[in-house]
Each structure stands twice: as C-alpha cells, then as structure tokens.
Amino acid sequence: MFASDRGLETGHREVATHVIRQNKILFAFSSPLNPVETEMGRRIMIKGDAAKDVAFTVKDCAAIYAKAMSRGAVSVQEPKTETDEFGSVTTATVKTVSPHATRHAAMTMTAA
C-alpha cells in the first residue's frame, strides 16, 4: 500500500522517493533525478541498484547501539534524537560488512 512520496511534486529536486507500506514494514525506494550530480547516482551507475540502509524500530535505540559497540561494531552515527510537533525519533547507525556498504539503523519513536 502506498504510504508517501517525495520528489519534484513536493519541491525536492535531487531525489525521488516512494514509500510503500506492508503491514508494519515500510520500504523507501529512492532514485536520483539527475544521476551524474549525486553520490547516489554515481554509485548506482558503477555498482547498480542496492540496499543502502536497513532500519529497525526498537524499544531502546541507545541501548542497542551501546550493545553493538561493545561487540565490536563500527559506528556511522551515534544515537541522536530529533523532535517536532508530532513526537521524537532517536536514530543510530552502524556499518555492516557488505560489498554495497549497507548500513543498519535502529530507531525509537515516541508520539507527541
């Protein structure tokens, strides 16, 4: 089921993203509008389509991140919280071993 999108029609001129929902799972498919001028576009031209980020909703993002670090994970982004009128989300990202440099992110969301 369609969930949302972003692109020229919403004022974003670099990347078009379409979000599809299947039960509790959200898939976000992004594609550069001008491939030559973006990191994503250059990567797609060289390596082809791939998964860049895989995210999971968890109860305690900071605790999951700390556990991953204690087990030897490589940090891409320490836990950070963003808040707006709808609530807050805490995200953290660790690097995985993959030929396509996939990153795993964890997030904890709180509604306002």
N, C-alpha and C. Protein backbone atom coordinates (compact mmCIF):
# COMPACT_ATOMS: atom_id res chain seq x y z
N MET A 1 0.84 -1.16 0.00
CA MET A 1 0.00 0.00 0.00
C MET A 1 0.89 1.24 0.00
N PHE A 2 0.55 2.21 -0.83
CA PHE A 2 1.28 3.46 -0.93
C PHE A 2 1.23 4.21 0.40
N ALA A 3 2.36 4.75 0.87
CA ALA A 3 2.40 5.50 2.13
C ALA A 3 2.71 6.97 1.90
N SER A 4 3.73 7.29 1.10
CA SER A 4 4.05 8.70 0.82
C SER A 4 5.09 8.77 -0.28
N ASP A 5 5.35 9.99 -0.73
CA ASP A 5 6.42 10.17 -1.70
C ASP A 5 7.04 11.55 -1.56
N ARG A 6 8.20 11.70 -2.19
CA ARG A 6 8.92 12.96 -2.20
C ARG A 6 9.61 13.07 -3.55
N GLY A 7 9.59 14.24 -4.14
CA GLY A 7 10.22 14.44 -5.43
C GLY A 7 9.90 15.82 -5.96
N LEU A 8 9.90 15.96 -7.27
CA LEU A 8 9.64 17.26 -7.88
C LEU A 8 8.30 17.85 -7.43
N GLU A 9 7.27 16.99 -7.31
CA GLU A 9 5.94 17.49 -6.95
C GLU A 9 5.87 18.02 -5.52
N THR A 10 6.85 17.67 -4.68
CA THR A 10 6.88 18.16 -3.30
C THR A 10 8.04 19.14 -3.07
N GLY A 11 8.69 19.56 -4.15
CA GLY A 11 9.74 20.56 -4.05
C GLY A 11 11.16 20.04 -3.90
N HIS A 12 11.35 18.73 -3.95
CA HIS A 12 12.70 18.15 -3.84
C HIS A 12 13.23 17.88 -5.24
N ARG A 13 14.36 18.47 -5.56
CA ARG A 13 14.87 18.42 -6.92
C ARG A 13 16.03 17.45 -7.13
N GLU A 14 16.48 16.78 -6.07
CA GLU A 14 17.62 15.88 -6.22
C GLU A 14 17.24 14.41 -6.27
N VAL A 15 16.28 14.01 -5.42
CA VAL A 15 15.95 12.58 -5.29
C VAL A 15 14.45 12.40 -5.25
N ALA A 16 13.96 11.38 -5.93
CA ALA A 16 12.55 10.99 -5.83
C ALA A 16 12.49 9.76 -4.92
N THR A 17 11.61 9.80 -3.93
CA THR A 17 11.46 8.68 -3.00
C THR A 17 10.00 8.29 -2.91
N HIS A 18 9.73 7.01 -3.00
CA HIS A 18 8.37 6.48 -2.86
C HIS A 18 8.38 5.50 -1.69
N VAL A 19 7.48 5.69 -0.74
CA VAL A 19 7.40 4.84 0.45
C VAL A 19 6.18 3.96 0.33
N ILE A 20 6.41 2.66 0.47
CA ILE A 20 5.35 1.65 0.38
C ILE A 20 5.25 0.95 1.73
N ARG A 21 4.03 0.71 2.21
CA ARG A 21 3.82 0.04 3.49
C ARG A 21 3.27 -1.37 3.27
N GLN A 22 3.85 -2.33 4.00
CA GLN A 22 3.31 -3.69 4.04
C GLN A 22 3.21 -4.06 5.52
N ASN A 23 1.99 -4.01 6.05
CA ASN A 23 1.75 -4.21 7.48
C ASN A 23 2.58 -3.20 8.27
N LYS A 24 3.50 -3.65 9.13
CA LYS A 24 4.31 -2.73 9.93
C LYS A 24 5.63 -2.36 9.25
N ILE A 25 5.86 -2.88 8.06
CA ILE A 25 7.13 -2.66 7.35
C ILE A 25 6.96 -1.53 6.35
N LEU A 26 7.92 -0.61 6.35
CA LEU A 26 7.95 0.47 5.36
C LEU A 26 9.15 0.28 4.46
N PHE A 27 8.94 0.36 3.16
CA PHE A 27 10.02 0.31 2.18
C PHE A 27 10.12 1.69 1.53
N ALA A 28 11.30 2.27 1.53
CA ALA A 28 11.52 3.56 0.87
C ALA A 28 12.46 3.32 -0.31
N PHE A 29 11.96 3.57 -1.51
CA PHE A 29 12.75 3.42 -2.73
C PHE A 29 13.12 4.80 -3.23
N SER A 30 14.42 5.06 -3.33
CA SER A 30 14.91 6.37 -3.76
C SER A 30 15.71 6.25 -5.04
N SER A 31 15.58 7.27 -5.86
CA SER A 31 16.31 7.31 -7.12
C SER A 31 16.68 8.76 -7.42
N PRO A 32 17.92 9.01 -7.83
CA PRO A 32 18.32 10.38 -8.14
C PRO A 32 17.62 10.89 -9.40
N LEU A 33 17.24 12.16 -9.38
CA LEU A 33 16.60 12.75 -10.55
C LEU A 33 17.64 13.15 -11.59
N ASN A 34 18.86 13.45 -11.17
CA ASN A 34 19.96 13.74 -12.08
C ASN A 34 21.16 12.91 -11.61
N PRO A 35 21.28 11.66 -12.07
CA PRO A 35 22.26 10.72 -11.53
C PRO A 35 23.71 11.19 -11.53
N VAL A 36 24.11 11.98 -12.51
CA VAL A 36 25.51 12.38 -12.61
C VAL A 36 25.91 13.31 -11.47
N GLU A 37 24.97 14.08 -10.93
CA GLU A 37 25.30 15.10 -9.95
C GLU A 37 25.16 14.67 -8.50
N THR A 38 24.87 13.41 -8.22
CA THR A 38 24.68 12.98 -6.84
C THR A 38 25.56 11.78 -6.52
N GLU A 39 25.91 11.64 -5.24
CA GLU A 39 26.68 10.47 -4.79
C GLU A 39 25.88 9.20 -5.08
N MET A 40 24.57 9.24 -4.79
CA MET A 40 23.73 8.06 -5.01
C MET A 40 23.72 7.69 -6.50
N GLY A 41 23.59 8.66 -7.36
CA GLY A 41 23.55 8.40 -8.80
C GLY A 41 24.84 7.80 -9.31
N ARG A 42 25.97 8.34 -8.88
CA ARG A 42 27.26 7.81 -9.31
C ARG A 42 27.43 6.37 -8.82
N ARG A 43 26.99 6.10 -7.59
CA ARG A 43 27.10 4.75 -7.04
C ARG A 43 26.24 3.77 -7.83
N ILE A 44 25.03 4.16 -8.19
CA ILE A 44 24.14 3.30 -8.98
C ILE A 44 24.75 3.02 -10.35
N MET A 45 25.35 4.04 -10.98
CA MET A 45 25.94 3.85 -12.30
C MET A 45 27.11 2.86 -12.25
N ILE A 46 27.86 2.85 -11.14
CA ILE A 46 29.03 1.98 -11.02
C ILE A 46 28.64 0.58 -10.55
N LYS A 47 27.81 0.47 -9.51
CA LYS A 47 27.52 -0.82 -8.88
C LYS A 47 26.13 -1.35 -9.14
N GLY A 48 25.23 -0.54 -9.68
CA GLY A 48 23.85 -0.96 -9.89
C GLY A 48 23.00 -0.73 -8.65
N ASP A 49 21.73 -1.10 -8.74
CA ASP A 49 20.81 -0.91 -7.62
C ASP A 49 21.27 -1.73 -6.42
N ALA A 50 21.01 -1.20 -5.22
CA ALA A 50 21.41 -1.89 -3.99
C ALA A 50 20.65 -1.32 -2.81
N ALA A 51 20.70 -2.02 -1.69
CA ALA A 51 20.15 -1.50 -0.44
C ALA A 51 21.25 -0.72 0.27
N LYS A 52 20.98 0.51 0.59
CA LYS A 52 21.97 1.35 1.28
C LYS A 52 21.74 1.32 2.79
N ASP A 53 20.50 1.48 3.22
CA ASP A 53 20.19 1.49 4.64
C ASP A 53 19.07 0.50 4.94
N VAL A 54 19.23 -0.22 6.03
CA VAL A 54 18.20 -1.11 6.54
C VAL A 54 17.94 -0.66 7.97
N ALA A 55 16.68 -0.31 8.29
CA ALA A 55 16.37 0.25 9.62
C ALA A 55 15.39 -0.64 10.36
N PHE A 56 15.51 -0.65 11.67
CA PHE A 56 14.64 -1.43 12.54
C PHE A 56 14.09 -0.53 13.64
N THR A 57 12.83 -0.68 13.98
CA THR A 57 12.26 0.02 15.12
C THR A 57 12.51 -0.83 16.35
N VAL A 58 13.10 -0.23 17.38
CA VAL A 58 13.45 -0.94 18.60
C VAL A 58 12.94 -0.17 19.81
N LYS A 59 12.90 -0.83 20.98
CA LYS A 59 12.41 -0.17 22.19
C LYS A 59 13.40 0.85 22.74
N ASP A 60 14.69 0.58 22.64
CA ASP A 60 15.70 1.48 23.21
C ASP A 60 16.90 1.56 22.26
N CYS A 61 16.87 2.53 21.39
CA CYS A 61 17.90 2.68 20.36
C CYS A 61 19.29 2.84 20.97
N ALA A 62 19.41 3.68 21.99
CA ALA A 62 20.72 3.93 22.60
C ALA A 62 21.30 2.65 23.20
N ALA A 63 20.46 1.83 23.82
CA ALA A 63 20.94 0.58 24.43
C ALA A 63 21.39 -0.41 23.35
N ILE A 64 20.63 -0.50 22.26
CA ILE A 64 21.01 -1.39 21.15
C ILE A 64 22.35 -0.94 20.56
N TYR A 65 22.49 0.37 20.36
CA TYR A 65 23.74 0.92 19.83
C TYR A 65 24.91 0.60 20.76
N ALA A 66 24.73 0.82 22.06
CA ALA A 66 25.80 0.55 23.03
C ALA A 66 26.19 -0.92 23.01
N LYS A 67 25.21 -1.81 22.91
CA LYS A 67 25.49 -3.25 22.86
C LYS A 67 26.27 -3.59 21.59
N ALA A 68 25.87 -3.00 20.46
CA ALA A 68 26.59 -3.24 19.20
C ALA A 68 28.04 -2.76 19.30
N MET A 69 28.25 -1.58 19.90
CA MET A 69 29.60 -1.05 20.05
C MET A 69 30.44 -1.96 20.95
N SER A 70 29.83 -2.48 22.02
CA SER A 70 30.56 -3.36 22.94
C SER A 70 30.95 -4.67 22.28
N ARG A 71 30.26 -5.01 21.19
CA ARG A 71 30.56 -6.25 20.47
C ARG A 71 31.42 -6.02 19.22
N GLY A 72 31.97 -4.80 19.10
CA GLY A 72 32.91 -4.53 18.03
C GLY A 72 32.36 -3.88 16.78
N ALA A 73 31.11 -3.39 16.82
CA ALA A 73 30.53 -2.73 15.64
C ALA A 73 31.28 -1.43 15.34
N VAL A 74 31.21 -0.99 14.11
CA VAL A 74 31.80 0.27 13.69
C VAL A 74 30.68 1.30 13.56
N SER A 75 30.83 2.42 14.25
CA SER A 75 29.79 3.44 14.27
C SER A 75 29.79 4.28 13.00
N VAL A 76 28.61 4.54 12.49
CA VAL A 76 28.42 5.51 11.41
C VAL A 76 27.81 6.77 12.00
N GLN A 77 26.85 6.59 12.92
CA GLN A 77 26.20 7.73 13.59
C GLN A 77 25.81 7.33 15.00
N GLU A 78 26.29 8.07 15.99
CA GLU A 78 25.90 7.82 17.38
C GLU A 78 24.42 8.17 17.54
N PRO A 79 23.78 7.68 18.60
CA PRO A 79 22.36 7.99 18.80
C PRO A 79 22.11 9.50 18.83
N LYS A 80 21.11 9.92 18.07
CA LYS A 80 20.71 11.33 18.09
C LYS A 80 19.19 11.37 18.03
N THR A 81 18.61 12.35 18.70
CA THR A 81 17.16 12.48 18.78
C THR A 81 16.71 13.74 18.05
N GLU A 82 15.70 13.58 17.21
CA GLU A 82 15.07 14.71 16.52
C GLU A 82 13.63 14.78 16.98
N THR A 83 13.15 16.00 17.26
CA THR A 83 11.81 16.19 17.78
C THR A 83 11.09 17.26 16.97
N ASP A 84 9.79 17.03 16.74
CA ASP A 84 8.94 18.05 16.13
C ASP A 84 7.57 17.98 16.80
N GLU A 85 6.58 18.65 16.22
CA GLU A 85 5.25 18.70 16.84
C GLU A 85 4.55 17.34 16.87
N PHE A 86 5.04 16.36 16.12
CA PHE A 86 4.42 15.04 16.06
C PHE A 86 5.05 14.03 17.01
N GLY A 87 6.20 14.36 17.60
CA GLY A 87 6.87 13.45 18.51
C GLY A 87 8.38 13.48 18.31
N SER A 88 9.05 12.40 18.66
CA SER A 88 10.50 12.36 18.51
C SER A 88 10.94 11.00 17.98
N VAL A 89 12.11 11.00 17.40
CA VAL A 89 12.71 9.76 16.92
C VAL A 89 14.20 9.81 17.26
N THR A 90 14.69 8.72 17.80
CA THR A 90 16.12 8.57 18.08
C THR A 90 16.67 7.56 17.10
N THR A 91 17.75 7.93 16.41
CA THR A 91 18.36 7.03 15.43
C THR A 91 19.84 6.85 15.74
N ALA A 92 20.36 5.72 15.35
CA ALA A 92 21.79 5.41 15.42
C ALA A 92 22.09 4.45 14.28
N THR A 93 23.31 4.52 13.76
CA THR A 93 23.65 3.69 12.60
C THR A 93 25.01 3.03 12.80
N VAL A 94 25.08 1.75 12.44
CA VAL A 94 26.35 1.02 12.45
C VAL A 94 26.63 0.48 11.06
N LYS A 95 27.89 0.30 10.78
CA LYS A 95 28.33 -0.21 9.48
C LYS A 95 28.23 -1.73 9.46
N THR A 96 27.89 -2.27 8.31
CA THR A 96 27.90 -3.72 8.13
C THR A 96 28.94 -4.09 7.09
N VAL A 97 29.27 -5.35 7.04
CA VAL A 97 30.22 -5.84 6.05
C VAL A 97 29.41 -6.29 4.84
N SER A 98 29.54 -5.55 3.75
CA SER A 98 28.77 -5.83 2.54
C SER A 98 29.48 -5.21 1.36
N PRO A 99 29.40 -5.82 0.19
CA PRO A 99 30.02 -5.21 -0.99
C PRO A 99 29.33 -3.91 -1.39
N HIS A 100 28.12 -3.67 -0.91
CA HIS A 100 27.40 -2.45 -1.25
C HIS A 100 27.35 -1.45 -0.10
N ALA A 101 28.15 -1.64 0.95
CA ALA A 101 28.24 -0.72 2.08
C ALA A 101 26.89 -0.46 2.73
N THR A 102 26.09 -1.50 2.91
CA THR A 102 24.81 -1.37 3.59
C THR A 102 25.05 -0.97 5.04
N ARG A 103 24.18 -0.09 5.56
CA ARG A 103 24.27 0.31 6.95
C ARG A 103 22.99 -0.13 7.65
N HIS A 104 23.09 -0.51 8.91
CA HIS A 104 21.93 -0.87 9.71
C HIS A 104 21.64 0.28 10.68
N ALA A 105 20.40 0.72 10.72
CA ALA A 105 20.00 1.78 11.64
C ALA A 105 18.95 1.24 12.59
N ALA A 106 18.96 1.76 13.80
CA ALA A 106 17.93 1.43 14.79
C ALA A 106 17.25 2.74 15.15
N MET A 107 15.94 2.67 15.44
CA MET A 107 15.25 3.88 15.83
C MET A 107 14.20 3.60 16.88
N THR A 108 14.03 4.56 17.76
CA THR A 108 12.99 4.53 18.76
C THR A 108 12.11 5.74 18.53
N MET A 109 10.80 5.54 18.36
CA MET A 109 9.90 6.66 18.08
C MET A 109 8.94 6.86 19.24
N THR A 110 8.66 8.13 19.56
CA THR A 110 7.72 8.49 20.59
C THR A 110 6.75 9.52 20.01
N ALA A 111 5.45 9.24 20.09
CA ALA A 111 4.45 10.19 19.60
C ALA A 111 4.28 11.33 20.59
N ALA A 112 3.96 12.50 20.07
CA ALA A 112 3.74 13.66 20.94
C ALA A 112 2.44 13.53 21.71
